[in-house]
Amino acid sequence: MLKQLKANPMAGHEGRSLGFDLGGTQVRAALVEKGTILARASARTDVGGGPQGVMAQFRQLASEVCKQTGFDAVRAVGMSAPGPLDTEAGVVEHIPTLPGWDGFPLRDRLADAFDRPAVLENDGIAAAFGEWKYGAGRGLEHLVYVTVSTGIGGGVVVDGRLLHGRKGMGGHVGHFRIAPDGPVCSCGAVGCFEALAAGTALGERAANAATRNPAGYLGIQASAGPIETRHAVEGARGGDPECLALMAEEADLLGVGFTGLLHLYSPQRIIMGGGVSRAFDLLDAGIHRRIRQDAMAPFKDVPVVPAQLGDNCGLLGVASLALSMVGTDS
């Protein structure tokens, strides 16, 4: 079996690498060189096929992104996946949206499939690395990246180093408690940051508002189909008072969670990514208002900014981390 190497985030990132992203609804691949995506491809995740079916998808996606340039120039491969993952051992602990993956040695299988050094990384940490190296975190020594989408995840850079922690599981920023009660989180606890402030939670509050007020904007939208997070955003952009109130509540909850992260990690900047970040213009003022109100004095002026790389940050991040394994020089 191909020997596994440990990634060194401070190493150079020259050469080409493949970045993969494993999600519950979509799998993606990108061919990357010098922080630029040369080609990318995606497919709907073969959930029913389990690990073997999905690995076959990754081989097919690799063929697609390398069809113009060939595979010979690829020096390493990296996989970004939700967790929890034991990235030190390269093993999937549990992915709630993907049954049958518990205990799967994903890093070794990736290395075997492509005959290249391989790295497995939590999707939040991979995205944090991408934004640090190529996006809104360039030049910083301390940052927190938070993705706010179906759930809340992220990654942390402290003292110019990517934080991994025991088993590589550091940076589960959605799973600290910000309320003594409230909705049950996907992790099973009550009152987590994710349970209260993820896009899913915003969507549920919007759906409840539609039920309470069937004559309002959201109530009218509900007659055409299920209410989702985007309806609250669209209504707020159109000036609907109910939707504006929902977005103000979301901004306040994000501000509460971000204040906790400021106190925990003392970053120079918090970078917000994920689907909800596309409404950052509606959230910006409320997030910073809560931070100014609740943060200790030295933390009040730390900015929260939107991510720059969109959904490419994880692919770029994990491809770059994979290159750092093979000792390239800048």
C-alpha atoms as a PDB file:
ATOM      1  CA  MET A   1       0.000   0.000   0.000  1.00  0.00           C
ATOM      2  CA  LEU A   2       1.188   3.517  -0.788  1.00  0.00           C
ATOM      3  CA  LYS A   3       2.702   5.122   2.273  1.00  0.00           C
ATOM      4  CA  GLN A   4       0.605   7.957   3.695  1.00  0.00           C
ATOM      5  CA  LEU A   5       2.353  11.243   4.381  1.00  0.00           C
ATOM      6  CA  LYS A   6       1.363  13.954   6.842  1.00  0.00           C
ATOM      7  CA  ALA A   7       0.343  17.249   5.312  1.00  0.00           C
ATOM      8  CA  ASN A   8       2.416  20.293   6.224  1.00  0.00           C
ATOM      9  CA  PRO A   9       0.302  23.409   5.625  1.00  0.00           C
ATOM     10  CA  MET A  10       3.423  25.611   5.658  1.00  0.00           C
ATOM     11  CA  ALA A  11       5.024  23.790   2.719  1.00  0.00           C
ATOM     12  CA  GLY A  12       4.937  25.110  -0.836  1.00  0.00           C
ATOM     13  CA  HIS A  13       2.097  24.476  -3.211  1.00  0.00           C
ATOM     14  CA  GLU A  14       3.634  24.161  -6.688  1.00  0.00           C
ATOM     15  CA  GLY A  15       2.496  21.513  -9.124  1.00  0.00           C
ATOM     16  CA  ARG A  16      -0.891  20.038  -9.898  1.00  0.00           C
ATOM     17  CA  SER A  17      -3.199  18.180  -7.560  1.00  0.00           C
ATOM     18  CA  LEU A  18      -6.712  16.819  -7.489  1.00  0.00           C
ATOM     19  CA  GLY A  19      -9.212  18.046  -4.949  1.00  0.00           C
ATOM     20  CA  PHE A  20     -12.365  16.058  -4.208  1.00  0.00           C
ATOM     21  CA  ASP A  21     -15.398  16.961  -2.135  1.00  0.00           C
ATOM     22  CA  LEU A  22     -17.758  14.346  -0.718  1.00  0.00           C
ATOM     23  CA  GLY A  23     -21.232  15.603   0.143  1.00  0.00           C
ATOM     24  CA  GLY A  24     -24.550  14.048   0.937  1.00  0.00           C
ATOM     25  CA  THR A  25     -26.130  15.333  -2.284  1.00  0.00           C
ATOM     26  CA  GLN A  26     -23.178  16.032  -4.581  1.00  0.00           C
ATOM     27  CA  VAL A  27     -19.627  14.839  -5.217  1.00  0.00           C
ATOM     28  CA  ARG A  28     -17.185  17.208  -6.903  1.00  0.00           C
ATOM     29  CA  ALA A  29     -13.655  17.152  -8.295  1.00  0.00           C
ATOM     30  CA  ALA A  30     -11.223  19.827  -9.400  1.00  0.00           C
ATOM     31  CA  LEU A  31      -7.811  19.883 -11.027  1.00  0.00           C
ATOM     32  CA  VAL A  32      -5.804  22.597  -9.291  1.00  0.00           C
ATOM     33  CA  GLU A  33      -2.542  24.371 -10.008  1.00  0.00           C
ATOM     34  CA  LYS A  34      -1.106  27.381  -8.126  1.00  0.00           C
ATOM     35  CA  GLY A  35      -4.400  28.103  -6.412  1.00  0.00           C
ATOM     36  CA  THR A  36      -6.332  28.067  -9.687  1.00  0.00           C
ATOM     37  CA  ILE A  37      -8.979  25.558 -10.679  1.00  0.00           C
ATOM     38  CA  LEU A  38      -8.137  24.372 -14.189  1.00  0.00           C
ATOM     39  CA  ALA A  39     -11.188  22.105 -14.525  1.00  0.00           C
ATOM     40  CA  ARG A  40     -13.996  20.857 -12.325  1.00  0.00           C
ATOM     41  CA  ALA A  41     -16.813  18.345 -12.525  1.00  0.00           C
ATOM     42  CA  SER A  42     -19.625  17.139 -10.300  1.00  0.00           C
ATOM     43  CA  ALA A  43     -22.278  14.447 -10.011  1.00  0.00           C
ATOM     44  CA  ARG A  44     -25.172  13.589  -7.744  1.00  0.00           C
ATOM     45  CA  THR A  45     -23.879  11.413  -4.896  1.00  0.00           C
ATOM     46  CA  ASP A  46     -24.565   7.718  -5.344  1.00  0.00           C
ATOM     47  CA  VAL A  47     -25.755   7.361  -1.762  1.00  0.00           C
ATOM     48  CA  GLY A  48     -27.249   3.923  -2.359  1.00  0.00           C
ATOM     49  CA  GLY A  49     -23.986   2.648  -3.846  1.00  0.00           C
ATOM     50  CA  GLY A  50     -22.153   3.237  -0.587  1.00  0.00           C
ATOM     51  CA  PRO A  51     -18.398   3.811  -0.452  1.00  0.00           C
ATOM     52  CA  GLN A  52     -17.623   1.589  -3.448  1.00  0.00           C
ATOM     53  CA  GLY A  53     -20.147   3.317  -5.675  1.00  0.00           C
ATOM     54  CA  VAL A  54     -18.955   6.765  -4.662  1.00  0.00           C
ATOM     55  CA  MET A  55     -15.296   5.876  -5.143  1.00  0.00           C
ATOM     56  CA  ALA A  56     -16.192   4.839  -8.687  1.00  0.00           C
ATOM     57  CA  GLN A  57     -17.753   8.280  -9.123  1.00  0.00           C
ATOM     58  CA  PHE A  58     -14.547   9.953  -8.009  1.00  0.00           C
ATOM     59  CA  ARG A  59     -12.539   7.952 -10.522  1.00  0.00           C
ATOM     60  CA  GLN A  60     -14.931   9.051 -13.255  1.00  0.00           C
ATOM     61  CA  LEU A  61     -14.788  12.702 -12.158  1.00  0.00           C
ATOM     62  CA  ALA A  62     -10.986  12.569 -12.133  1.00  0.00           C
ATOM     63  CA  SER A  63     -11.040  11.331 -15.721  1.00  0.00           C
ATOM     64  CA  GLU A  64     -13.271  14.237 -16.680  1.00  0.00           C
ATOM     65  CA  VAL A  65     -11.158  16.992 -15.117  1.00  0.00           C
ATOM     66  CA  CYS A  66      -7.896  15.489 -16.416  1.00  0.00           C
ATOM     67  CA  LYS A  67      -9.067  14.671 -19.938  1.00  0.00           C
ATOM     68  CA  GLN A  68      -7.372  17.730 -21.484  1.00  0.00           C
ATOM     69  CA  THR A  69      -4.046  17.562 -19.663  1.00  0.00           C
ATOM     70  CA  GLY A  70      -3.722  13.960 -18.524  1.00  0.00           C
ATOM     71  CA  PHE A  71      -3.076  12.560 -15.070  1.00  0.00           C
ATOM     72  CA  ASP A  72       0.729  12.304 -15.158  1.00  0.00           C
ATOM     73  CA  ALA A  73       1.269  15.860 -13.852  1.00  0.00           C
ATOM     74  CA  VAL A  74      -0.906  15.243 -10.772  1.00  0.00           C
ATOM     75  CA  ARG A  75       1.334  14.925  -7.724  1.00  0.00           C
ATOM     76  CA  ALA A  76      -1.189  14.352  -4.932  1.00  0.00           C
ATOM     77  CA  VAL A  77      -4.904  14.014  -4.221  1.00  0.00           C
ATOM     78  CA  GLY A  78      -7.016  15.376  -1.409  1.00  0.00           C
ATOM     79  CA  MET A  79     -10.512  14.589  -0.148  1.00  0.00           C
ATOM     80  CA  SER A  80     -12.774  17.028   1.684  1.00  0.00           C
ATOM     81  CA  ALA A  81     -15.676  15.412   3.559  1.00  0.00           C
ATOM     82  CA  PRO A  82     -18.138  16.133   6.352  1.00  0.00           C
ATOM     83  CA  GLY A  83     -17.532  14.452   9.631  1.00  0.00           C
ATOM     84  CA  PRO A  84     -16.693  13.605  12.221  1.00  0.00           C
ATOM     85  CA  LEU A  85     -13.541  12.223  10.586  1.00  0.00           C
ATOM     86  CA  ASP A  86     -10.375  10.861  12.139  1.00  0.00           C
ATOM     87  CA  THR A  87      -8.084  12.604   9.677  1.00  0.00           C
ATOM     88  CA  GLU A  88      -4.952  11.376  11.452  1.00  0.00           C
ATOM     89  CA  ALA A  89      -5.923   7.786  10.692  1.00  0.00           C
ATOM     90  CA  GLY A  90      -7.683   8.776   7.449  1.00  0.00           C
ATOM     91  CA  VAL A  91     -10.923   7.106   8.531  1.00  0.00           C
ATOM     92  CA  VAL A  92     -14.563   8.212   8.411  1.00  0.00           C
ATOM     93  CA  GLU A  93     -16.058   8.139  11.899  1.00  0.00           C
ATOM     94  CA  HIS A  94     -19.638   8.997  10.933  1.00  0.00           C
ATOM     95  CA  ILE A  95     -21.401  11.028   8.239  1.00  0.00           C
ATOM     96  CA  PRO A  96     -25.098  11.452   9.111  1.00  0.00           C
ATOM     97  CA  THR A  97     -26.151  11.978   5.483  1.00  0.00           C
ATOM     98  CA  LEU A  98     -24.194   8.985   4.138  1.00  0.00           C
ATOM     99  CA  PRO A  99     -25.100   5.614   5.670  1.00  0.00           C
ATOM    100  CA  GLY A 100     -22.587   2.805   5.391  1.00  0.00           C
ATOM    101  CA  TRP A 101     -19.432   4.921   5.647  1.00  0.00           C
ATOM    102  CA  ASP A 102     -18.658   4.459   9.358  1.00  0.00           C
ATOM    103  CA  GLY A 103     -15.099   3.155   9.741  1.00  0.00           C
ATOM    104  CA  PHE A 104     -14.317   3.425   6.024  1.00  0.00           C
ATOM    105  CA  PRO A 105     -10.544   4.041   5.420  1.00  0.00           C
ATOM    106  CA  LEU A 106     -11.180   6.786   2.902  1.00  0.00           C
ATOM    107  CA  ARG A 107      -7.632   8.170   2.741  1.00  0.00           C
ATOM    108  CA  ASP A 108      -6.059   4.763   2.020  1.00  0.00           C
ATOM    109  CA  ARG A 109      -8.679   3.944  -0.586  1.00  0.00           C
ATOM    110  CA  LEU A 110      -8.075   7.302  -2.260  1.00  0.00           C
ATOM    111  CA  ALA A 111      -4.326   6.711  -2.336  1.00  0.00           C
ATOM    112  CA  ASP A 112      -4.824   3.218  -3.760  1.00  0.00           C
ATOM    113  CA  ALA A 113      -7.283   4.398  -6.405  1.00  0.00           C
ATOM    114  CA  PHE A 114      -4.982   7.104  -7.773  1.00  0.00           C
ATOM    115  CA  ASP A 115      -1.527   5.804  -6.787  1.00  0.00           C
ATOM    116  CA  ARG A 116      -0.658   9.183  -5.292  1.00  0.00           C
ATOM    117  CA  PRO A 117      -0.091  10.532  -1.781  1.00  0.00           C
ATOM    118  CA  ALA A 118      -3.503  11.355  -0.323  1.00  0.00           C
ATOM    119  CA  VAL A 119      -4.933  13.505   2.437  1.00  0.00           C
ATOM    120  CA  LEU A 120      -8.376  13.386   4.057  1.00  0.00           C
ATOM    121  CA  GLU A 121      -9.630  16.618   5.599  1.00  0.00           C
ATOM    122  CA  ASN A 122     -12.811  17.834   7.269  1.00  0.00           C
ATOM    123  CA  ASP A 123     -14.712  20.019   4.813  1.00  0.00           C
ATOM    124  CA  GLY A 124     -14.775  23.017   7.176  1.00  0.00           C
ATOM    125  CA  ILE A 125     -11.026  22.875   7.782  1.00  0.00           C
ATOM    126  CA  ALA A 126     -10.351  22.449   4.062  1.00  0.00           C
ATOM    127  CA  ALA A 127     -12.496  25.497   3.296  1.00  0.00           C
ATOM    128  CA  ALA A 128     -10.734  27.499   5.996  1.00  0.00           C
ATOM    129  CA  PHE A 129      -7.389  26.627   4.443  1.00  0.00           C
ATOM    130  CA  GLY A 130      -8.607  27.634   0.996  1.00  0.00           C
ATOM    131  CA  GLU A 131      -9.804  31.044   2.200  1.00  0.00           C
ATOM    132  CA  TRP A 132      -6.607  31.518   4.205  1.00  0.00           C
ATOM    133  CA  LYS A 133      -4.321  30.858   1.277  1.00  0.00           C
ATOM    134  CA  TYR A 134      -6.344  32.205  -1.658  1.00  0.00           C
ATOM    135  CA  GLY A 135      -9.352  34.146  -0.375  1.00  0.00           C
ATOM    136  CA  ALA A 136     -10.484  36.528   2.337  1.00  0.00           C
ATOM    137  CA  GLY A 137      -7.853  35.352   4.834  1.00  0.00           C
ATOM    138  CA  ARG A 138      -4.709  35.932   2.786  1.00  0.00           C
ATOM    139  CA  GLY A 139      -1.855  37.356   4.840  1.00  0.00           C
ATOM    140  CA  LEU A 140      -3.460  36.714   8.226  1.00  0.00           C
ATOM    141  CA  GLU A 141      -1.984  34.766  11.122  1.00  0.00           C
ATOM    142  CA  HIS A 142      -5.253  34.213  12.986  1.00  0.00           C
ATOM    143  CA  LEU A 143      -8.707  33.608  11.512  1.00  0.00           C
ATOM    144  CA  VAL A 144     -11.910  31.650  11.955  1.00  0.00           C
ATOM    145  CA  TYR A 145     -13.835  30.446   8.924  1.00  0.00           C
ATOM    146  CA  VAL A 146     -17.516  29.623   9.479  1.00  0.00           C
ATOM    147  CA  THR A 147     -19.729  28.057   6.836  1.00  0.00           C
ATOM    148  CA  VAL A 148     -23.431  28.723   7.449  1.00  0.00           C
ATOM    149  CA  SER A 149     -25.546  26.480   5.281  1.00  0.00           C
ATOM    150  CA  THR A 150     -27.636  23.377   6.047  1.00  0.00           C
ATOM    151  CA  GLY A 151     -25.476  23.162   9.162  1.00  0.00           C
ATOM    152  CA  ILE A 152     -22.674  25.245  10.636  1.00  0.00           C
ATOM    153  CA  GLY A 153     -19.062  24.128  10.370  1.00  0.00           C
ATOM    154  CA  GLY A 154     -15.688  25.708   9.945  1.00  0.00           C
ATOM    155  CA  GLY A 155     -11.998  25.795  10.625  1.00  0.00           C
ATOM    156  CA  VAL A 156      -9.491  27.843  12.569  1.00  0.00           C
ATOM    157  CA  VAL A 157      -6.027  29.260  11.932  1.00  0.00           C
ATOM    158  CA  VAL A 158      -4.080  30.237  15.073  1.00  0.00           C
ATOM    159  CA  ASP A 159      -0.520  31.596  15.128  1.00  0.00           C
ATOM    160  CA  GLY A 160      -0.167  30.930  11.407  1.00  0.00           C
ATOM    161  CA  ARG A 161      -1.074  27.258  11.789  1.00  0.00           C
ATOM    162  CA  LEU A 162      -4.160  25.338  10.774  1.00  0.00           C
ATOM    163  CA  LEU A 163      -5.821  23.999  13.920  1.00  0.00           C
ATOM    164  CA  HIS A 164      -6.475  20.255  13.869  1.00  0.00           C
ATOM    165  CA  GLY A 165      -6.635  19.004  17.456  1.00  0.00           C
ATOM    166  CA  ARG A 166      -7.032  15.388  18.570  1.00  0.00           C
ATOM    167  CA  LYS A 167      -7.754  13.094  15.611  1.00  0.00           C
ATOM    168  CA  GLY A 168      -7.896  16.181  13.410  1.00  0.00           C
ATOM    169  CA  MET A 169     -11.348  17.019  14.772  1.00  0.00           C
ATOM    170  CA  GLY A 170     -10.753  20.595  15.910  1.00  0.00           C
ATOM    171  CA  GLY A 171     -12.933  23.433  14.694  1.00  0.00           C
ATOM    172  CA  HIS A 172     -16.442  21.998  15.035  1.00  0.00           C
ATOM    173  CA  VAL A 173     -17.616  25.566  15.498  1.00  0.00           C
ATOM    174  CA  GLY A 174     -21.313  24.779  15.099  1.00  0.00           C
ATOM    175  CA  HIS A 175     -21.466  22.577  18.149  1.00  0.00           C
ATOM    176  CA  PHE A 176     -21.075  24.767  21.165  1.00  0.00           C
ATOM    177  CA  ARG A 177     -24.121  25.784  23.145  1.00  0.00           C
ATOM    178  CA  ILE A 178     -25.413  29.344  22.807  1.00  0.00           C
ATOM    179  CA  ALA A 179     -28.784  28.813  24.541  1.00  0.00           C
ATOM    180  CA  PRO A 180     -29.853  26.778  27.583  1.00  0.00           C
ATOM    181  CA  ASP A 181     -32.767  25.350  25.615  1.00  0.00           C
ATOM    182  CA  GLY A 182     -34.110  25.461  22.092  1.00  0.00           C
ATOM    183  CA  PRO A 183     -34.147  23.113  19.118  1.00  0.00           C
ATOM    184  CA  VAL A 184     -32.340  19.786  19.136  1.00  0.00           C
ATOM    185  CA  CYS A 185     -29.173  19.912  17.030  1.00  0.00           C
ATOM    186  CA  SER A 186     -28.133  17.340  14.442  1.00  0.00           C
ATOM    187  CA  CYS A 187     -25.502  16.204  16.964  1.00  0.00           C
ATOM    188  CA  GLY A 188     -28.215  15.389  19.515  1.00  0.00           C
ATOM    189  CA  ALA A 189     -27.549  18.260  21.915  1.00  0.00           C
ATOM    190  CA  VAL A 190     -29.906  21.150  22.611  1.00  0.00           C
ATOM    191  CA  GLY A 191     -29.206  24.819  21.929  1.00  0.00           C
ATOM    192  CA  CYS A 192     -26.124  24.467  19.704  1.00  0.00           C
ATOM    193  CA  PHE A 193     -25.061  27.373  17.505  1.00  0.00           C
ATOM    194  CA  GLU A 194     -25.938  25.223  14.477  1.00  0.00           C
ATOM    195  CA  ALA A 195     -29.402  24.341  15.772  1.00  0.00           C
ATOM    196  CA  LEU A 196     -30.289  28.004  16.179  1.00  0.00           C
ATOM    197  CA  ALA A 197     -28.476  29.804  13.374  1.00  0.00           C
ATOM    198  CA  ALA A 198     -27.901  27.426  10.443  1.00  0.00           C
ATOM    199  CA  GLY A 199     -29.756  28.029   7.203  1.00  0.00           C
ATOM    200  CA  THR A 200     -32.034  25.121   8.059  1.00  0.00           C
ATOM    201  CA  ALA A 201     -33.119  26.847  11.273  1.00  0.00           C
ATOM    202  CA  LEU A 202     -33.789  30.098   9.405  1.00  0.00           C
ATOM    203  CA  GLY A 203     -35.889  28.165   6.893  1.00  0.00           C
ATOM    204  CA  GLU A 204     -37.914  26.572   9.671  1.00  0.00           C
ATOM    205  CA  ARG A 205     -38.605  29.960  11.257  1.00  0.00           C
ATOM    206  CA  ALA A 206     -39.699  31.266   7.855  1.00  0.00           C
ATOM    207  CA  ALA A 207     -42.047  28.293   7.395  1.00  0.00           C
ATOM    208  CA  ASN A 208     -43.560  28.915  10.838  1.00  0.00           C
ATOM    209  CA  ALA A 209     -44.079  32.576   9.953  1.00  0.00           C
ATOM    210  CA  ALA A 210     -45.893  31.554   6.784  1.00  0.00           C
ATOM    211  CA  THR A 211     -48.241  29.353   8.806  1.00  0.00           C
ATOM    212  CA  ARG A 212     -48.956  32.122  11.310  1.00  0.00           C
ATOM    213  CA  ASN A 213     -49.638  34.705   8.623  1.00  0.00           C
ATOM    214  CA  PRO A 214     -51.061  33.106   5.484  1.00  0.00           C
ATOM    215  CA  ALA A 215     -51.893  36.515   4.017  1.00  0.00           C
ATOM    216  CA  GLY A 216     -48.296  37.748   4.269  1.00  0.00           C
ATOM    217  CA  TYR A 217     -45.492  37.423   1.746  1.00  0.00           C
ATOM    218  CA  LEU A 218     -44.285  34.074   3.088  1.00  0.00           C
ATOM    219  CA  GLY A 219     -47.827  32.772   3.453  1.00  0.00           C
ATOM    220  CA  ILE A 220     -48.532  33.556  -0.183  1.00  0.00           C
ATOM    221  CA  GLN A 221     -45.273  31.895  -1.266  1.00  0.00           C
ATOM    222  CA  ALA A 222     -46.249  28.809   0.724  1.00  0.00           C
ATOM    223  CA  SER A 223     -49.252  28.286  -1.525  1.00  0.00           C
ATOM    224  CA  ALA A 224     -46.830  27.457  -4.366  1.00  0.00           C
ATOM    225  CA  GLY A 225     -44.630  25.041  -2.413  1.00  0.00           C
ATOM    226  CA  PRO A 226     -42.562  24.518   0.757  1.00  0.00           C
ATOM    227  CA  ILE A 227     -40.994  27.594   2.310  1.00  0.00           C
ATOM    228  CA  GLU A 228     -37.191  27.595   2.316  1.00  0.00           C
ATOM    229  CA  THR A 229     -34.456  29.910   3.548  1.00  0.00           C
ATOM    230  CA  ARG A 230     -34.268  31.643   0.186  1.00  0.00           C
ATOM    231  CA  HIS A 231     -37.852  32.873   0.530  1.00  0.00           C
ATOM    232  CA  ALA A 232     -36.939  34.832   3.649  1.00  0.00           C
ATOM    233  CA  VAL A 233     -33.966  36.357   1.833  1.00  0.00           C
ATOM    234  CA  GLU A 234     -35.997  37.222  -1.254  1.00  0.00           C
ATOM    235  CA  GLY A 235     -38.744  38.773   0.840  1.00  0.00           C
ATOM    236  CA  ALA A 236     -36.266  40.828   2.838  1.00  0.00           C
ATOM    237  CA  ARG A 237     -34.674  42.131  -0.337  1.00  0.00           C
ATOM    238  CA  GLY A 238     -38.150  43.187  -1.443  1.00  0.00           C
ATOM    239  CA  GLY A 239     -38.738  45.059   1.809  1.00  0.00           C
ATOM    240  CA  ASP A 240     -41.242  42.687   3.434  1.00  0.00           C
ATOM    241  CA  PRO A 241     -41.316  43.532   7.176  1.00  0.00           C
ATOM    242  CA  GLU A 242     -41.803  39.920   8.293  1.00  0.00           C
ATOM    243  CA  CYS A 243     -38.818  38.727   6.262  1.00  0.00           C
ATOM    244  CA  LEU A 244     -36.698  41.660   7.401  1.00  0.00           C
ATOM    245  CA  ALA A 245     -37.454  40.666  10.999  1.00  0.00           C
ATOM    246  CA  LEU A 246     -36.436  37.079  10.282  1.00  0.00           C
ATOM    247  CA  MET A 247     -33.131  38.219   8.790  1.00  0.00           C
ATOM    248  CA  ALA A 248     -32.544  40.537  11.764  1.00  0.00           C
ATOM    249  CA  GLU A 249     -33.097  37.586  14.110  1.00  0.00           C
ATOM    250  CA  GLU A 250     -30.703  35.456  12.062  1.00  0.00           C
ATOM    251  CA  ALA A 251     -28.053  38.176  12.151  1.00  0.00           C
ATOM    252  CA  ASP A 252     -28.399  38.472  15.924  1.00  0.00           C
ATOM    253  CA  LEU A 253     -28.024  34.723  16.443  1.00  0.00           C
ATOM    254  CA  LEU A 254     -24.969  34.662  14.182  1.00  0.00           C
ATOM    255  CA  GLY A 255     -23.545  37.560  16.165  1.00  0.00           C
ATOM    256  CA  VAL A 256     -23.991  35.614  19.408  1.00  0.00           C
ATOM    257  CA  GLY A 257     -22.126  32.625  18.001  1.00  0.00           C
ATOM    258  CA  PHE A 258     -19.424  34.709  16.375  1.00  0.00           C
ATOM    259  CA  THR A 259     -18.824  36.546  19.658  1.00  0.00           C
ATOM    260  CA  GLY A 260     -18.156  33.214  21.333  1.00  0.00           C
ATOM    261  CA  LEU A 261     -15.689  32.305  18.592  1.00  0.00           C
ATOM    262  CA  LEU A 262     -13.919  35.661  18.990  1.00  0.00           C
ATOM    263  CA  HIS A 263     -13.428  34.970  22.681  1.00  0.00           C
ATOM    264  CA  LEU A 264     -12.279  31.387  22.067  1.00  0.00           C
ATOM    265  CA  TYR A 265      -9.756  31.954  19.263  1.00  0.00           C
ATOM    266  CA  SER A 266      -8.952  35.699  19.129  1.00  0.00           C
ATOM    267  CA  PRO A 267      -8.855  35.892  15.323  1.00  0.00           C
ATOM    268  CA  GLN A 268      -8.005  38.928  13.257  1.00  0.00           C
ATOM    269  CA  ARG A 269     -11.075  38.206  11.148  1.00  0.00           C
ATOM    270  CA  ILE A 270     -14.073  35.902  10.970  1.00  0.00           C
ATOM    271  CA  ILE A 271     -14.840  34.766   7.435  1.00  0.00           C
ATOM    272  CA  MET A 272     -18.406  33.674   6.729  1.00  0.00           C
ATOM    273  CA  GLY A 273     -19.088  31.243   3.902  1.00  0.00           C
ATOM    274  CA  GLY A 274     -21.866  28.863   2.938  1.00  0.00           C
ATOM    275  CA  GLY A 275     -25.229  29.483   1.303  1.00  0.00           C
ATOM    276  CA  VAL A 276     -26.480  31.939   3.924  1.00  0.00           C
ATOM    277  CA  SER A 277     -23.431  34.145   3.324  1.00  0.00           C
ATOM    278  CA  ARG A 278     -24.959  35.115  -0.026  1.00  0.00           C
ATOM    279  CA  ALA A 279     -27.291  37.284   2.064  1.00  0.00           C
ATOM    280  CA  PHE A 280     -24.382  38.870   3.947  1.00  0.00           C
ATOM    281  CA  ASP A 281     -25.484  42.385   2.961  1.00  0.00           C
ATOM    282  CA  LEU A 282     -28.711  41.785   4.918  1.00  0.00           C
ATOM    283  CA  LEU A 283     -26.880  40.340   7.933  1.00  0.00           C
ATOM    284  CA  ASP A 284     -23.766  42.504   8.210  1.00  0.00           C
ATOM    285  CA  ALA A 285     -25.116  45.304  10.397  1.00  0.00           C
ATOM    286  CA  GLY A 286     -26.941  42.997  12.812  1.00  0.00           C
ATOM    287  CA  ILE A 287     -23.971  40.675  13.244  1.00  0.00           C
ATOM    288  CA  HIS A 288     -21.640  43.542  14.119  1.00  0.00           C
ATOM    289  CA  ARG A 289     -24.248  45.187  16.362  1.00  0.00           C
ATOM    290  CA  ARG A 290     -24.416  42.049  18.523  1.00  0.00           C
ATOM    291  CA  ILE A 291     -20.626  41.725  18.591  1.00  0.00           C
ATOM    292  CA  ARG A 292     -20.215  45.345  19.689  1.00  0.00           C
ATOM    293  CA  GLN A 293     -22.821  44.775  22.390  1.00  0.00           C
ATOM    294  CA  ASP A 294     -21.560  41.464  23.802  1.00  0.00           C
ATOM    295  CA  ALA A 295     -17.867  41.088  23.048  1.00  0.00           C
ATOM    296  CA  MET A 296     -15.198  42.046  25.544  1.00  0.00           C
ATOM    297  CA  ALA A 297     -13.571  45.356  24.698  1.00  0.00           C
ATOM    298  CA  PRO A 298     -10.492  44.035  22.814  1.00  0.00           C
ATOM    299  CA  PHE A 299     -12.715  41.940  20.521  1.00  0.00           C
ATOM    300  CA  LYS A 300     -15.399  44.453  19.564  1.00  0.00           C
ATOM    301  CA  ASP A 301     -13.636  45.739  16.457  1.00  0.00           C
ATOM    302  CA  VAL A 302     -12.803  42.363  14.873  1.00  0.00           C
ATOM    303  CA  PRO A 303     -14.539  42.287  11.473  1.00  0.00           C
ATOM    304  CA  VAL A 304     -16.756  39.592  10.044  1.00  0.00           C
ATOM    305  CA  VAL A 305     -16.433  39.433   6.257  1.00  0.00           C
ATOM    306  CA  PRO A 306     -17.914  37.242   3.506  1.00  0.00           C
ATOM    307  CA  ALA A 307     -15.816  34.482   1.959  1.00  0.00           C
ATOM    308  CA  GLN A 308     -14.323  35.218  -1.454  1.00  0.00           C
ATOM    309  CA  LEU A 309     -14.044  31.770  -3.038  1.00  0.00           C
ATOM    310  CA  GLY A 310     -17.646  30.569  -2.893  1.00  0.00           C
ATOM    311  CA  ASP A 311     -18.029  26.810  -3.067  1.00  0.00           C
ATOM    312  CA  ASN A 312     -14.511  26.440  -4.469  1.00  0.00           C
ATOM    313  CA  CYS A 313     -12.803  27.087  -1.128  1.00  0.00           C
ATOM    314  CA  GLY A 314     -12.879  23.451   0.029  1.00  0.00           C
ATOM    315  CA  LEU A 315     -11.660  22.060  -3.292  1.00  0.00           C
ATOM    316  CA  LEU A 316      -8.817  24.579  -3.444  1.00  0.00           C
ATOM    317  CA  GLY A 317      -7.985  24.054   0.201  1.00  0.00           C
ATOM    318  CA  VAL A 318      -7.786  20.273   0.165  1.00  0.00           C
ATOM    319  CA  ALA A 319      -5.922  20.200  -3.179  1.00  0.00           C
ATOM    320  CA  SER A 320      -3.364  22.628  -1.747  1.00  0.00           C
ATOM    321  CA  LEU A 321      -3.039  20.596   1.451  1.00  0.00           C
ATOM    322  CA  ALA A 322      -2.448  17.483  -0.633  1.00  0.00           C
ATOM    323  CA  LEU A 323       0.427  19.183  -2.466  1.00  0.00           C
ATOM    324  CA  SER A 324       1.971  20.181   0.846  1.00  0.00           C
ATOM    325  CA  MET A 325       2.437  16.473   1.576  1.00  0.00           C
ATOM    326  CA  VAL A 326       4.905  15.900  -1.233  1.00  0.00           C
ATOM    327  CA  GLY A 327       7.506  18.446  -0.172  1.00  0.00           C
ATOM    328  CA  THR A 328       7.121  20.918  -3.014  1.00  0.00           C
ATOM    329  CA  ASP A 329       8.948  24.204  -2.826  1.00  0.00           C
ATOM    330  CA  SER A 330       7.487  27.589  -3.656  1.00  0.00           C
END
